[in-house]
Amino acid sequence: MAVPAHAAPGGTSGGVSRLEHALAELDRINAEDPRSEVADGRAQPKEIVYARRMSETLAALEPDASEELVLAVRAQHVARWRVPRGSYPEGRDGYRKWRTELMGMHAQIAADVLREAGYGERTIAHVGQLLRKQGIKRDPEVQTLEDVACLVFLRWYLADFAAEHEDEKIVDILRKTWLKMSLRGREAAANLELGERGARLLARALAPG
């Protein structure tokens, strides 16, 4: 990912900006993911792949994103494997508890990385707010982060997820995903290649009634 021109220098030697340092440290943590995924023709840690897809999608959707948003997007799933879904009860309540725990962990890891890279507490707090999805109706950056996450799911993960579930469940998930997105996010999603089944199920999800 290209580092934004407004990235502030400092915090490390050799002319590396604190943004570059923080992104590299987040990648170092994600490189510890014991799970792998084939991308670009080779097996790579799953969260490395996911984080870079998030960054690439943000760069396409909002090229002039703030430094805080760039950092939050890269940290969206940092060290996710440490809190497995199976460690929480099945059902909606268990899922919500799992998601809350994950967001708190991501925010704490990001805070530690940013503090070590030389960022101030105001920036650290804002990145944590973004990762916890707080103030989505007040902070447009939270919505952008949500849009990016939805676009990454639709483009790279929907097909494999859908292969494991019946149509009705996928249609319900697609409806919920669409509701999370802004108009800009939906316009970007409309241009994605989802495959025959994905496109058909999205059409069903968006059909009136």
N, C-alpha and C. Protein backbone atom coordinates (compact mmCIF):
# COMPACT_ATOMS: atom_id res chain seq x y z
N MET A 1 0.83 -1.19 0.00
CA MET A 1 0.00 0.00 0.00
C MET A 1 0.86 1.24 0.00
N ALA A 2 0.55 2.20 -0.82
CA ALA A 2 1.30 3.44 -0.82
C ALA A 2 1.03 4.20 0.45
N VAL A 3 2.09 4.73 1.07
CA VAL A 3 1.93 5.50 2.29
C VAL A 3 1.50 6.91 1.93
N PRO A 4 0.43 7.45 2.56
CA PRO A 4 -0.03 8.79 2.23
C PRO A 4 1.04 9.84 2.41
N ALA A 5 0.98 10.88 1.58
CA ALA A 5 1.99 11.92 1.63
C ALA A 5 1.98 12.67 2.95
N HIS A 6 0.82 12.67 3.66
CA HIS A 6 0.75 13.42 4.91
C HIS A 6 1.26 12.63 6.10
N ALA A 7 1.80 11.41 5.88
CA ALA A 7 2.31 10.62 6.99
C ALA A 7 3.39 11.39 7.72
N ALA A 8 3.27 11.45 9.04
CA ALA A 8 4.21 12.24 9.83
C ALA A 8 5.47 11.44 10.09
N PRO A 9 6.66 12.05 9.98
CA PRO A 9 7.90 11.33 10.21
C PRO A 9 8.17 11.16 11.69
N GLY A 10 9.17 10.38 11.99
CA GLY A 10 9.61 10.29 13.37
C GLY A 10 9.34 8.92 13.97
N GLY A 11 9.98 8.67 15.11
CA GLY A 11 9.71 7.47 15.87
C GLY A 11 10.63 6.31 15.57
N THR A 12 11.27 6.30 14.39
CA THR A 12 12.17 5.21 14.05
C THR A 12 13.37 5.76 13.32
N SER A 13 14.36 4.93 13.14
CA SER A 13 15.56 5.36 12.44
C SER A 13 15.45 5.06 10.96
N GLY A 14 16.39 5.63 10.20
CA GLY A 14 16.46 5.32 8.78
C GLY A 14 15.42 6.02 7.95
N GLY A 15 14.81 7.06 8.48
CA GLY A 15 13.85 7.82 7.71
C GLY A 15 12.50 7.17 7.55
N VAL A 16 12.21 6.14 8.33
CA VAL A 16 10.92 5.47 8.26
C VAL A 16 9.91 6.29 9.06
N SER A 17 8.77 6.60 8.45
CA SER A 17 7.75 7.38 9.15
C SER A 17 7.09 6.53 10.22
N ARG A 18 6.44 7.20 11.15
CA ARG A 18 5.75 6.45 12.19
C ARG A 18 4.58 5.65 11.61
N LEU A 19 3.97 6.15 10.53
CA LEU A 19 2.91 5.39 9.87
C LEU A 19 3.46 4.10 9.28
N GLU A 20 4.56 4.20 8.56
CA GLU A 20 5.18 3.00 7.99
C GLU A 20 5.57 2.01 9.09
N HIS A 21 6.11 2.55 10.17
CA HIS A 21 6.52 1.71 11.30
C HIS A 21 5.32 0.97 11.89
N ALA A 22 4.22 1.70 12.09
CA ALA A 22 3.03 1.10 12.69
C ALA A 22 2.42 0.04 11.77
N LEU A 23 2.34 0.34 10.48
CA LEU A 23 1.79 -0.63 9.54
C LEU A 23 2.65 -1.89 9.49
N ALA A 24 3.97 -1.71 9.51
CA ALA A 24 4.86 -2.86 9.49
C ALA A 24 4.70 -3.71 10.75
N GLU A 25 4.50 -3.06 11.89
CA GLU A 25 4.33 -3.80 13.13
C GLU A 25 2.99 -4.56 13.14
N LEU A 26 1.94 -3.94 12.63
CA LEU A 26 0.67 -4.65 12.52
C LEU A 26 0.81 -5.87 11.60
N ASP A 27 1.55 -5.70 10.50
CA ASP A 27 1.80 -6.83 9.61
C ASP A 27 2.63 -7.91 10.29
N ARG A 28 3.59 -7.50 11.10
CA ARG A 28 4.42 -8.48 11.81
C ARG A 28 3.56 -9.34 12.74
N ILE A 29 2.62 -8.68 13.44
CA ILE A 29 1.72 -9.42 14.32
C ILE A 29 0.85 -10.38 13.51
N ASN A 30 0.29 -9.89 12.42
CA ASN A 30 -0.58 -10.73 11.61
C ASN A 30 0.16 -11.87 10.92
N ALA A 31 1.47 -11.70 10.73
CA ALA A 31 2.26 -12.77 10.13
C ALA A 31 2.37 -13.98 11.05
N GLU A 32 1.99 -13.82 12.32
CA GLU A 32 2.01 -14.92 13.28
C GLU A 32 0.77 -15.80 13.17
N ASP A 33 -0.18 -15.41 12.34
CA ASP A 33 -1.42 -16.19 12.18
C ASP A 33 -1.07 -17.61 11.74
N PRO A 34 -1.46 -18.63 12.51
CA PRO A 34 -1.13 -20.01 12.13
C PRO A 34 -1.96 -20.52 10.96
N ARG A 35 -3.04 -19.82 10.64
CA ARG A 35 -3.90 -20.22 9.51
C ARG A 35 -3.33 -19.62 8.22
N SER A 36 -3.54 -20.29 7.11
CA SER A 36 -3.00 -19.79 5.85
C SER A 36 -4.08 -19.72 4.78
N GLU A 37 -3.81 -18.92 3.78
CA GLU A 37 -4.71 -18.74 2.64
C GLU A 37 -3.86 -18.53 1.40
N VAL A 38 -4.27 -19.13 0.30
CA VAL A 38 -3.53 -18.94 -0.94
C VAL A 38 -3.96 -17.62 -1.57
N ALA A 39 -3.00 -16.74 -1.79
CA ALA A 39 -3.24 -15.45 -2.44
C ALA A 39 -2.01 -15.11 -3.26
N ASP A 40 -2.23 -14.56 -4.43
CA ASP A 40 -1.13 -14.25 -5.34
C ASP A 40 -0.27 -15.48 -5.63
N GLY A 41 -0.91 -16.63 -5.66
CA GLY A 41 -0.22 -17.85 -6.03
C GLY A 41 0.60 -18.51 -4.95
N ARG A 42 0.47 -18.07 -3.71
CA ARG A 42 1.26 -18.69 -2.63
C ARG A 42 0.48 -18.62 -1.32
N ALA A 43 0.80 -19.54 -0.43
CA ALA A 43 0.15 -19.58 0.88
C ALA A 43 0.71 -18.47 1.76
N GLN A 44 -0.17 -17.73 2.40
CA GLN A 44 0.21 -16.63 3.27
C GLN A 44 -0.67 -16.65 4.52
N PRO A 45 -0.22 -16.04 5.62
CA PRO A 45 -1.07 -15.96 6.80
C PRO A 45 -2.38 -15.25 6.46
N LYS A 46 -3.50 -15.80 6.93
CA LYS A 46 -4.81 -15.29 6.55
C LYS A 46 -4.99 -13.81 6.89
N GLU A 47 -4.55 -13.40 8.06
CA GLU A 47 -4.79 -12.01 8.45
C GLU A 47 -3.85 -11.02 7.74
N ILE A 48 -2.73 -11.48 7.25
CA ILE A 48 -1.90 -10.64 6.37
C ILE A 48 -2.67 -10.37 5.08
N VAL A 49 -3.24 -11.41 4.52
CA VAL A 49 -4.01 -11.27 3.28
C VAL A 49 -5.19 -10.33 3.49
N TYR A 50 -5.92 -10.56 4.58
CA TYR A 50 -7.10 -9.74 4.84
C TYR A 50 -6.73 -8.27 5.04
N ALA A 51 -5.71 -8.01 5.84
CA ALA A 51 -5.33 -6.63 6.14
C ALA A 51 -4.91 -5.88 4.88
N ARG A 52 -4.20 -6.53 4.01
CA ARG A 52 -3.75 -5.85 2.78
C ARG A 52 -4.92 -5.64 1.82
N ARG A 53 -5.87 -6.56 1.82
CA ARG A 53 -7.07 -6.34 1.01
C ARG A 53 -7.86 -5.15 1.55
N MET A 54 -7.93 -5.02 2.86
CA MET A 54 -8.59 -3.88 3.46
C MET A 54 -7.91 -2.58 3.04
N SER A 55 -6.58 -2.54 3.12
CA SER A 55 -5.84 -1.33 2.76
C SER A 55 -6.02 -0.98 1.29
N GLU A 56 -5.97 -1.99 0.44
CA GLU A 56 -6.14 -1.75 -1.01
C GLU A 56 -7.54 -1.23 -1.32
N THR A 57 -8.54 -1.76 -0.62
CA THR A 57 -9.91 -1.32 -0.85
C THR A 57 -10.11 0.10 -0.37
N LEU A 58 -9.54 0.45 0.77
CA LEU A 58 -9.61 1.84 1.24
C LEU A 58 -8.95 2.79 0.26
N ALA A 59 -7.79 2.42 -0.25
CA ALA A 59 -7.08 3.28 -1.20
C ALA A 59 -7.90 3.54 -2.44
N ALA A 60 -8.68 2.56 -2.88
CA ALA A 60 -9.53 2.73 -4.05
C ALA A 60 -10.78 3.55 -3.73
N LEU A 61 -11.34 3.32 -2.55
CA LEU A 61 -12.59 3.99 -2.18
C LEU A 61 -12.35 5.42 -1.73
N GLU A 62 -11.29 5.65 -0.97
CA GLU A 62 -11.00 6.98 -0.43
C GLU A 62 -9.49 7.21 -0.44
N PRO A 63 -8.94 7.63 -1.58
CA PRO A 63 -7.49 7.79 -1.71
C PRO A 63 -6.88 8.78 -0.72
N ASP A 64 -7.64 9.76 -0.26
CA ASP A 64 -7.13 10.77 0.66
C ASP A 64 -7.54 10.50 2.10
N ALA A 65 -7.66 9.24 2.45
CA ALA A 65 -8.07 8.87 3.81
C ALA A 65 -7.09 9.42 4.84
N SER A 66 -7.61 9.74 6.01
CA SER A 66 -6.76 10.24 7.09
C SER A 66 -5.82 9.15 7.58
N GLU A 67 -4.78 9.56 8.27
CA GLU A 67 -3.82 8.60 8.82
C GLU A 67 -4.50 7.67 9.81
N GLU A 68 -5.43 8.21 10.62
CA GLU A 68 -6.13 7.38 11.59
C GLU A 68 -6.95 6.30 10.90
N LEU A 69 -7.61 6.65 9.81
CA LEU A 69 -8.42 5.66 9.09
C LEU A 69 -7.53 4.61 8.42
N VAL A 70 -6.42 5.04 7.87
CA VAL A 70 -5.46 4.09 7.27
C VAL A 70 -5.01 3.06 8.31
N LEU A 71 -4.73 3.54 9.51
CA LEU A 71 -4.28 2.65 10.57
C LEU A 71 -5.40 1.72 11.05
N ALA A 72 -6.59 2.27 11.22
CA ALA A 72 -7.71 1.44 11.69
C ALA A 72 -8.07 0.36 10.68
N VAL A 73 -8.04 0.70 9.41
CA VAL A 73 -8.34 -0.28 8.37
C VAL A 73 -7.34 -1.43 8.41
N ARG A 74 -6.08 -1.11 8.60
CA ARG A 74 -5.05 -2.16 8.64
C ARG A 74 -5.18 -3.01 9.91
N ALA A 75 -5.69 -2.42 10.98
CA ALA A 75 -5.80 -3.13 12.26
C ALA A 75 -7.16 -3.79 12.45
N GLN A 76 -8.02 -3.76 11.46
CA GLN A 76 -9.40 -4.23 11.58
C GLN A 76 -9.50 -5.64 12.15
N HIS A 77 -8.62 -6.55 11.74
CA HIS A 77 -8.66 -7.93 12.21
C HIS A 77 -7.35 -8.35 12.86
N VAL A 78 -6.57 -7.42 13.35
CA VAL A 78 -5.24 -7.78 13.85
C VAL A 78 -5.34 -8.85 14.94
N ALA A 79 -4.58 -9.92 14.76
CA ALA A 79 -4.51 -11.04 15.72
C ALA A 79 -5.87 -11.69 15.98
N ARG A 80 -6.74 -11.68 15.01
CA ARG A 80 -8.11 -12.20 15.17
C ARG A 80 -8.13 -13.65 15.62
N TRP A 81 -7.18 -14.44 15.21
CA TRP A 81 -7.18 -15.87 15.53
C TRP A 81 -7.04 -16.12 17.03
N ARG A 82 -6.61 -15.13 17.79
CA ARG A 82 -6.42 -15.31 19.23
C ARG A 82 -7.75 -15.45 19.98
N VAL A 83 -8.84 -15.01 19.37
CA VAL A 83 -10.16 -15.10 20.01
C VAL A 83 -11.09 -15.88 19.07
N PRO A 84 -11.03 -17.20 19.09
CA PRO A 84 -11.83 -18.00 18.15
C PRO A 84 -13.33 -17.93 18.46
N ARG A 85 -14.12 -17.97 17.41
CA ARG A 85 -15.58 -17.92 17.57
C ARG A 85 -16.07 -19.09 18.42
N GLY A 86 -15.42 -20.25 18.30
CA GLY A 86 -15.84 -21.43 19.03
C GLY A 86 -15.70 -21.32 20.54
N SER A 87 -15.00 -20.30 21.02
CA SER A 87 -14.84 -20.13 22.46
C SER A 87 -16.03 -19.39 23.08
N TYR A 88 -17.01 -19.04 22.26
CA TYR A 88 -18.22 -18.35 22.74
C TYR A 88 -19.44 -19.19 22.37
N PRO A 89 -20.54 -19.02 23.10
CA PRO A 89 -21.74 -19.82 22.81
C PRO A 89 -22.29 -19.56 21.42
N GLU A 90 -23.01 -20.54 20.89
CA GLU A 90 -23.70 -20.37 19.62
C GLU A 90 -24.84 -19.36 19.79
N GLY A 91 -25.33 -18.86 18.66
CA GLY A 91 -26.46 -17.95 18.71
C GLY A 91 -26.06 -16.49 18.68
N ARG A 92 -27.08 -15.62 18.60
CA ARG A 92 -26.84 -14.19 18.43
C ARG A 92 -26.12 -13.57 19.62
N ASP A 93 -26.50 -13.94 20.84
CA ASP A 93 -25.85 -13.36 22.01
C ASP A 93 -24.38 -13.74 22.08
N GLY A 94 -24.09 -15.01 21.79
CA GLY A 94 -22.70 -15.44 21.78
C GLY A 94 -21.89 -14.74 20.72
N TYR A 95 -22.51 -14.54 19.56
CA TYR A 95 -21.83 -13.84 18.47
C TYR A 95 -21.52 -12.40 18.86
N ARG A 96 -22.48 -11.73 19.48
CA ARG A 96 -22.26 -10.34 19.87
C ARG A 96 -21.16 -10.21 20.92
N LYS A 97 -21.14 -11.15 21.87
CA LYS A 97 -20.08 -11.13 22.88
C LYS A 97 -18.72 -11.34 22.23
N TRP A 98 -18.66 -12.26 21.29
CA TRP A 98 -17.42 -12.52 20.56
C TRP A 98 -16.96 -11.29 19.81
N ARG A 99 -17.87 -10.64 19.09
CA ARG A 99 -17.52 -9.45 18.31
C ARG A 99 -17.05 -8.32 19.22
N THR A 100 -17.71 -8.15 20.36
CA THR A 100 -17.30 -7.09 21.29
C THR A 100 -15.90 -7.35 21.83
N GLU A 101 -15.64 -8.61 22.18
CA GLU A 101 -14.31 -8.98 22.67
C GLU A 101 -13.25 -8.74 21.59
N LEU A 102 -13.56 -9.13 20.36
CA LEU A 102 -12.62 -8.92 19.26
C LEU A 102 -12.29 -7.45 19.08
N MET A 103 -13.32 -6.61 19.01
CA MET A 103 -13.09 -5.19 18.77
C MET A 103 -12.23 -4.57 19.87
N GLY A 104 -12.49 -4.99 21.11
CA GLY A 104 -11.67 -4.49 22.21
C GLY A 104 -10.22 -4.93 22.08
N MET A 105 -10.01 -6.19 21.69
CA MET A 105 -8.64 -6.69 21.50
C MET A 105 -7.94 -5.95 20.37
N HIS A 106 -8.63 -5.77 19.24
CA HIS A 106 -8.02 -5.05 18.12
C HIS A 106 -7.62 -3.64 18.54
N ALA A 107 -8.50 -2.97 19.27
CA ALA A 107 -8.23 -1.60 19.70
C ALA A 107 -7.04 -1.56 20.65
N GLN A 108 -6.94 -2.53 21.55
CA GLN A 108 -5.83 -2.54 22.50
C GLN A 108 -4.49 -2.82 21.81
N ILE A 109 -4.49 -3.79 20.90
CA ILE A 109 -3.25 -4.07 20.16
C ILE A 109 -2.84 -2.86 19.34
N ALA A 110 -3.81 -2.24 18.65
CA ALA A 110 -3.49 -1.05 17.86
C ALA A 110 -2.94 0.06 18.74
N ALA A 111 -3.53 0.25 19.92
CA ALA A 111 -3.05 1.29 20.84
C ALA A 111 -1.59 1.04 21.23
N ASP A 112 -1.26 -0.20 21.53
CA ASP A 112 0.13 -0.53 21.90
C ASP A 112 1.09 -0.26 20.74
N VAL A 113 0.68 -0.64 19.54
CA VAL A 113 1.52 -0.44 18.36
C VAL A 113 1.70 1.04 18.07
N LEU A 114 0.62 1.80 18.12
CA LEU A 114 0.69 3.23 17.82
C LEU A 114 1.50 3.99 18.87
N ARG A 115 1.33 3.62 20.11
CA ARG A 115 2.08 4.30 21.17
C ARG A 115 3.58 4.05 21.00
N GLU A 116 3.93 2.82 20.67
CA GLU A 116 5.35 2.50 20.46
C GLU A 116 5.91 3.22 19.24
N ALA A 117 5.05 3.46 18.24
CA ALA A 117 5.49 4.15 17.02
C ALA A 117 5.61 5.65 17.19
N GLY A 118 5.11 6.18 18.31
CA GLY A 118 5.25 7.60 18.59
C GLY A 118 4.00 8.44 18.41
N TYR A 119 2.85 7.80 18.27
CA TYR A 119 1.60 8.54 18.13
C TYR A 119 1.11 9.04 19.49
N GLY A 120 0.39 10.16 19.47
CA GLY A 120 -0.18 10.72 20.68
C GLY A 120 -1.48 10.06 21.07
N GLU A 121 -1.93 10.36 22.29
CA GLU A 121 -3.11 9.70 22.82
C GLU A 121 -4.38 10.07 22.06
N ARG A 122 -4.43 11.26 21.50
CA ARG A 122 -5.64 11.65 20.74
C ARG A 122 -5.81 10.76 19.51
N THR A 123 -4.72 10.55 18.78
CA THR A 123 -4.77 9.67 17.61
C THR A 123 -5.11 8.24 18.02
N ILE A 124 -4.49 7.78 19.09
CA ILE A 124 -4.73 6.41 19.56
C ILE A 124 -6.20 6.23 19.94
N ALA A 125 -6.77 7.23 20.62
CA ALA A 125 -8.18 7.14 21.00
C ALA A 125 -9.09 7.12 19.79
N HIS A 126 -8.76 7.91 18.77
CA HIS A 126 -9.60 7.95 17.57
C HIS A 126 -9.54 6.62 16.83
N VAL A 127 -8.36 6.05 16.69
CA VAL A 127 -8.24 4.74 16.04
C VAL A 127 -9.03 3.69 16.81
N GLY A 128 -8.97 3.74 18.15
CA GLY A 128 -9.75 2.81 18.95
C GLY A 128 -11.24 2.98 18.74
N GLN A 129 -11.69 4.23 18.63
CA GLN A 129 -13.10 4.51 18.36
C GLN A 129 -13.52 3.91 17.02
N LEU A 130 -12.66 4.07 16.02
CA LEU A 130 -12.97 3.51 14.70
C LEU A 130 -13.07 1.99 14.77
N LEU A 131 -12.14 1.36 15.46
CA LEU A 131 -12.13 -0.10 15.52
C LEU A 131 -13.30 -0.65 16.31
N ARG A 132 -13.80 0.12 17.26
CA ARG A 132 -14.98 -0.30 18.03
C ARG A 132 -16.28 0.10 17.34
N LYS A 133 -16.17 0.76 16.18
CA LYS A 133 -17.32 1.21 15.38
C LYS A 133 -18.24 2.14 16.19
N GLN A 134 -17.62 2.98 17.01
CA GLN A 134 -18.39 3.91 17.83
C GLN A 134 -18.71 5.18 17.06
N GLY A 135 -19.94 5.65 17.17
CA GLY A 135 -20.33 6.90 16.53
C GLY A 135 -20.51 6.80 15.04
N ILE A 136 -21.01 5.66 14.56
CA ILE A 136 -21.10 5.46 13.11
C ILE A 136 -22.02 6.50 12.46
N LYS A 137 -23.00 7.02 13.19
CA LYS A 137 -23.90 8.02 12.63
C LYS A 137 -23.32 9.43 12.72
N ARG A 138 -22.26 9.59 13.52
CA ARG A 138 -21.67 10.92 13.70
C ARG A 138 -20.32 11.07 13.01
N ASP A 139 -19.58 9.99 12.91
CA ASP A 139 -18.23 10.04 12.35
C ASP A 139 -18.21 9.33 10.99
N PRO A 140 -18.06 10.10 9.90
CA PRO A 140 -18.08 9.46 8.57
C PRO A 140 -16.95 8.46 8.38
N GLU A 141 -15.86 8.59 9.14
CA GLU A 141 -14.76 7.63 8.99
C GLU A 141 -15.15 6.24 9.49
N VAL A 142 -16.01 6.20 10.52
CA VAL A 142 -16.49 4.90 10.99
C VAL A 142 -17.29 4.22 9.88
N GLN A 143 -18.12 5.02 9.19
CA GLN A 143 -18.90 4.46 8.08
C GLN A 143 -18.00 4.00 6.95
N THR A 144 -16.94 4.76 6.67
CA THR A 144 -16.02 4.34 5.61
C THR A 144 -15.35 3.02 5.97
N LEU A 145 -14.95 2.87 7.22
CA LEU A 145 -14.36 1.60 7.66
C LEU A 145 -15.36 0.46 7.48
N GLU A 146 -16.62 0.71 7.82
CA GLU A 146 -17.65 -0.32 7.64
C GLU A 146 -17.83 -0.65 6.17
N ASP A 147 -17.84 0.37 5.32
CA ASP A 147 -17.96 0.14 3.88
C ASP A 147 -16.82 -0.72 3.36
N VAL A 148 -15.61 -0.41 3.78
CA VAL A 148 -14.44 -1.15 3.33
C VAL A 148 -14.54 -2.62 3.75
N ALA A 149 -14.92 -2.85 5.01
CA ALA A 149 -15.05 -4.22 5.49
C ALA A 149 -16.11 -4.99 4.70
N CYS A 150 -17.23 -4.34 4.41
CA CYS A 150 -18.29 -5.00 3.64
C CYS A 150 -17.83 -5.30 2.22
N LEU A 151 -17.13 -4.37 1.60
CA LEU A 151 -16.65 -4.58 0.24
C LEU A 151 -15.63 -5.72 0.18
N VAL A 152 -14.76 -5.79 1.16
CA VAL A 152 -13.78 -6.88 1.21
C VAL A 152 -14.48 -8.23 1.36
N PHE A 153 -15.49 -8.28 2.23
CA PHE A 153 -16.26 -9.52 2.39
C PHE A 153 -16.91 -9.93 1.07
N LEU A 154 -17.58 -8.98 0.43
CA LEU A 154 -18.30 -9.31 -0.80
C LEU A 154 -17.35 -9.76 -1.91
N ARG A 155 -16.23 -9.08 -2.04
CA ARG A 155 -15.33 -9.37 -3.15
C ARG A 155 -14.54 -10.65 -2.95
N TRP A 156 -14.05 -10.88 -1.74
CA TRP A 156 -13.09 -11.99 -1.56
C TRP A 156 -13.60 -13.16 -0.73
N TYR A 157 -14.65 -12.97 0.05
CA TYR A 157 -15.02 -14.02 0.99
C TYR A 157 -16.45 -14.54 0.83
N LEU A 158 -17.28 -13.82 0.10
CA LEU A 158 -18.67 -14.24 -0.03
C LEU A 158 -18.79 -15.63 -0.67
N ALA A 159 -18.07 -15.86 -1.76
CA ALA A 159 -18.24 -17.12 -2.50
C ALA A 159 -17.93 -18.33 -1.63
N ASP A 160 -16.81 -18.29 -0.90
CA ASP A 160 -16.46 -19.43 -0.05
C ASP A 160 -17.45 -19.59 1.10
N PHE A 161 -17.88 -18.47 1.68
CA PHE A 161 -18.85 -18.53 2.77
C PHE A 161 -20.18 -19.09 2.26
N ALA A 162 -20.60 -18.62 1.10
CA ALA A 162 -21.88 -19.06 0.54
C ALA A 162 -21.87 -20.55 0.21
N ALA A 163 -20.69 -21.07 -0.16
CA ALA A 163 -20.59 -22.49 -0.52
C ALA A 163 -20.91 -23.40 0.66
N GLU A 164 -20.84 -22.87 1.88
CA GLU A 164 -21.07 -23.67 3.08
C GLU A 164 -22.47 -23.51 3.65
N HIS A 165 -23.32 -22.66 3.00
CA HIS A 165 -24.62 -22.36 3.59
C HIS A 165 -25.72 -22.34 2.52
N GLU A 166 -26.93 -22.50 3.00
CA GLU A 166 -28.10 -22.47 2.11
C GLU A 166 -28.39 -21.05 1.64
N ASP A 167 -29.15 -20.96 0.55
CA ASP A 167 -29.46 -19.67 -0.05
C ASP A 167 -30.10 -18.69 0.94
N GLU A 168 -31.06 -19.17 1.73
CA GLU A 168 -31.81 -18.27 2.60
C GLU A 168 -30.90 -17.58 3.61
N LYS A 169 -29.94 -18.30 4.14
CA LYS A 169 -29.02 -17.68 5.10
C LYS A 169 -28.17 -16.63 4.42
N ILE A 170 -27.70 -16.91 3.21
CA ILE A 170 -26.87 -15.95 2.50
C ILE A 170 -27.67 -14.70 2.13
N VAL A 171 -28.91 -14.88 1.72
CA VAL A 171 -29.76 -13.74 1.38
C VAL A 171 -29.94 -12.84 2.61
N ASP A 172 -30.16 -13.45 3.77
CA ASP A 172 -30.32 -12.68 5.00
C ASP A 172 -29.04 -11.90 5.34
N ILE A 173 -27.89 -12.54 5.19
CA ILE A 173 -26.61 -11.88 5.47
C ILE A 173 -26.37 -10.74 4.49
N LEU A 174 -26.72 -10.95 3.23
CA LEU A 174 -26.53 -9.90 2.23
C LEU A 174 -27.43 -8.70 2.50
N ARG A 175 -28.64 -8.95 2.96
CA ARG A 175 -29.53 -7.83 3.33
C ARG A 175 -28.90 -7.01 4.46
N LYS A 176 -28.41 -7.71 5.47
CA LYS A 176 -27.80 -7.02 6.61
C LYS A 176 -26.54 -6.27 6.20
N THR A 177 -25.75 -6.89 5.32
CA THR A 177 -24.53 -6.24 4.84
C THR A 177 -24.88 -4.96 4.09
N TRP A 178 -25.89 -5.03 3.24
CA TRP A 178 -26.29 -3.86 2.45
C TRP A 178 -26.76 -2.72 3.35
N LEU A 179 -27.48 -3.05 4.42
CA LEU A 179 -27.97 -2.03 5.35
C LEU A 179 -26.82 -1.33 6.07
N LYS A 180 -25.71 -2.02 6.26
CA LYS A 180 -24.56 -1.43 6.95
C LYS A 180 -23.84 -0.40 6.08
N MET A 181 -24.03 -0.46 4.77
CA MET A 181 -23.21 0.32 3.85
C MET A 181 -23.85 1.68 3.53
N SER A 182 -22.99 2.64 3.23
CA SER A 182 -23.44 3.95 2.76
C SER A 182 -23.79 3.86 1.28
N LEU A 183 -24.35 4.93 0.75
CA LEU A 183 -24.65 4.96 -0.68
C LEU A 183 -23.37 4.78 -1.49
N ARG A 184 -22.29 5.42 -1.08
CA ARG A 184 -21.02 5.26 -1.79
C ARG A 184 -20.55 3.80 -1.76
N GLY A 185 -20.68 3.16 -0.60
CA GLY A 185 -20.28 1.77 -0.49
C GLY A 185 -21.13 0.86 -1.37
N ARG A 186 -22.42 1.14 -1.41
CA ARG A 186 -23.32 0.33 -2.25
C ARG A 186 -23.00 0.51 -3.73
N GLU A 187 -22.67 1.72 -4.12
CA GLU A 187 -22.31 1.96 -5.53
C GLU A 187 -21.05 1.18 -5.88
N ALA A 188 -20.07 1.15 -4.96
CA ALA A 188 -18.86 0.38 -5.21
C ALA A 188 -19.17 -1.12 -5.26
N ALA A 189 -20.06 -1.57 -4.39
CA ALA A 189 -20.42 -2.99 -4.36
C ALA A 189 -21.11 -3.42 -5.64
N ALA A 190 -21.89 -2.51 -6.22
CA ALA A 190 -22.63 -2.84 -7.44
C ALA A 190 -21.69 -3.14 -8.61
N ASN A 191 -20.45 -2.69 -8.51
CA ASN A 191 -19.47 -2.91 -9.58
C ASN A 191 -18.60 -4.14 -9.35
N LEU A 192 -18.83 -4.87 -8.26
CA LEU A 192 -18.02 -6.05 -7.97
C LEU A 192 -18.49 -7.25 -8.79
N GLU A 193 -17.56 -8.11 -9.11
CA GLU A 193 -17.88 -9.37 -9.78
C GLU A 193 -18.11 -10.43 -8.68
N LEU A 194 -19.36 -10.82 -8.50
CA LEU A 194 -19.71 -11.72 -7.40
C LEU A 194 -19.95 -13.15 -7.86
N GLY A 195 -19.84 -13.40 -9.15
CA GLY A 195 -20.15 -14.73 -9.65
C GLY A 195 -21.65 -14.90 -9.83
N GLU A 196 -22.03 -15.97 -10.51
CA GLU A 196 -23.44 -16.18 -10.85
C GLU A 196 -24.31 -16.31 -9.61
N ARG A 197 -23.90 -17.16 -8.67
CA ARG A 197 -24.73 -17.37 -7.48
C ARG A 197 -24.75 -16.13 -6.60
N GLY A 198 -23.59 -15.52 -6.39
CA GLY A 198 -23.53 -14.33 -5.55
C GLY A 198 -24.40 -13.21 -6.09
N ALA A 199 -24.34 -12.99 -7.40
CA ALA A 199 -25.15 -11.93 -8.02
C ALA A 199 -26.64 -12.25 -7.89
N ARG A 200 -26.99 -13.52 -8.07
CA ARG A 200 -28.39 -13.91 -7.96
C ARG A 200 -28.92 -13.73 -6.55
N LEU A 201 -28.13 -14.10 -5.57
CA LEU A 201 -28.57 -13.98 -4.18
C LEU A 201 -28.62 -12.52 -3.73
N LEU A 202 -27.68 -11.70 -4.24
CA LEU A 202 -27.74 -10.28 -3.90
C LEU A 202 -29.00 -9.65 -4.50
N ALA A 203 -29.33 -10.04 -5.72
CA ALA A 203 -30.56 -9.51 -6.35
C ALA A 203 -31.78 -9.89 -5.51
N ARG A 204 -31.80 -11.12 -5.00
CA ARG A 204 -32.91 -11.53 -4.13
C ARG A 204 -32.93 -10.71 -2.84
N ALA A 205 -31.75 -10.46 -2.28
CA ALA A 205 -31.66 -9.71 -1.03
C ALA A 205 -32.17 -8.28 -1.20
N LEU A 206 -31.99 -7.70 -2.38
CA LEU A 206 -32.35 -6.31 -2.61
C LEU A 206 -33.73 -6.15 -3.23
N ALA A 207 -34.38 -7.26 -3.53
CA ALA A 207 -35.70 -7.19 -4.16
C ALA A 207 -36.72 -6.61 -3.19
N PRO A 208 -37.64 -5.76 -3.65
CA PRO A 208 -38.67 -5.18 -2.77
C PRO A 208 -39.49 -6.27 -2.11
N GLY A 209 -39.82 -6.04 -0.84
CA GLY A 209 -40.65 -6.99 -0.12
C GLY A 209 -39.92 -8.20 0.37
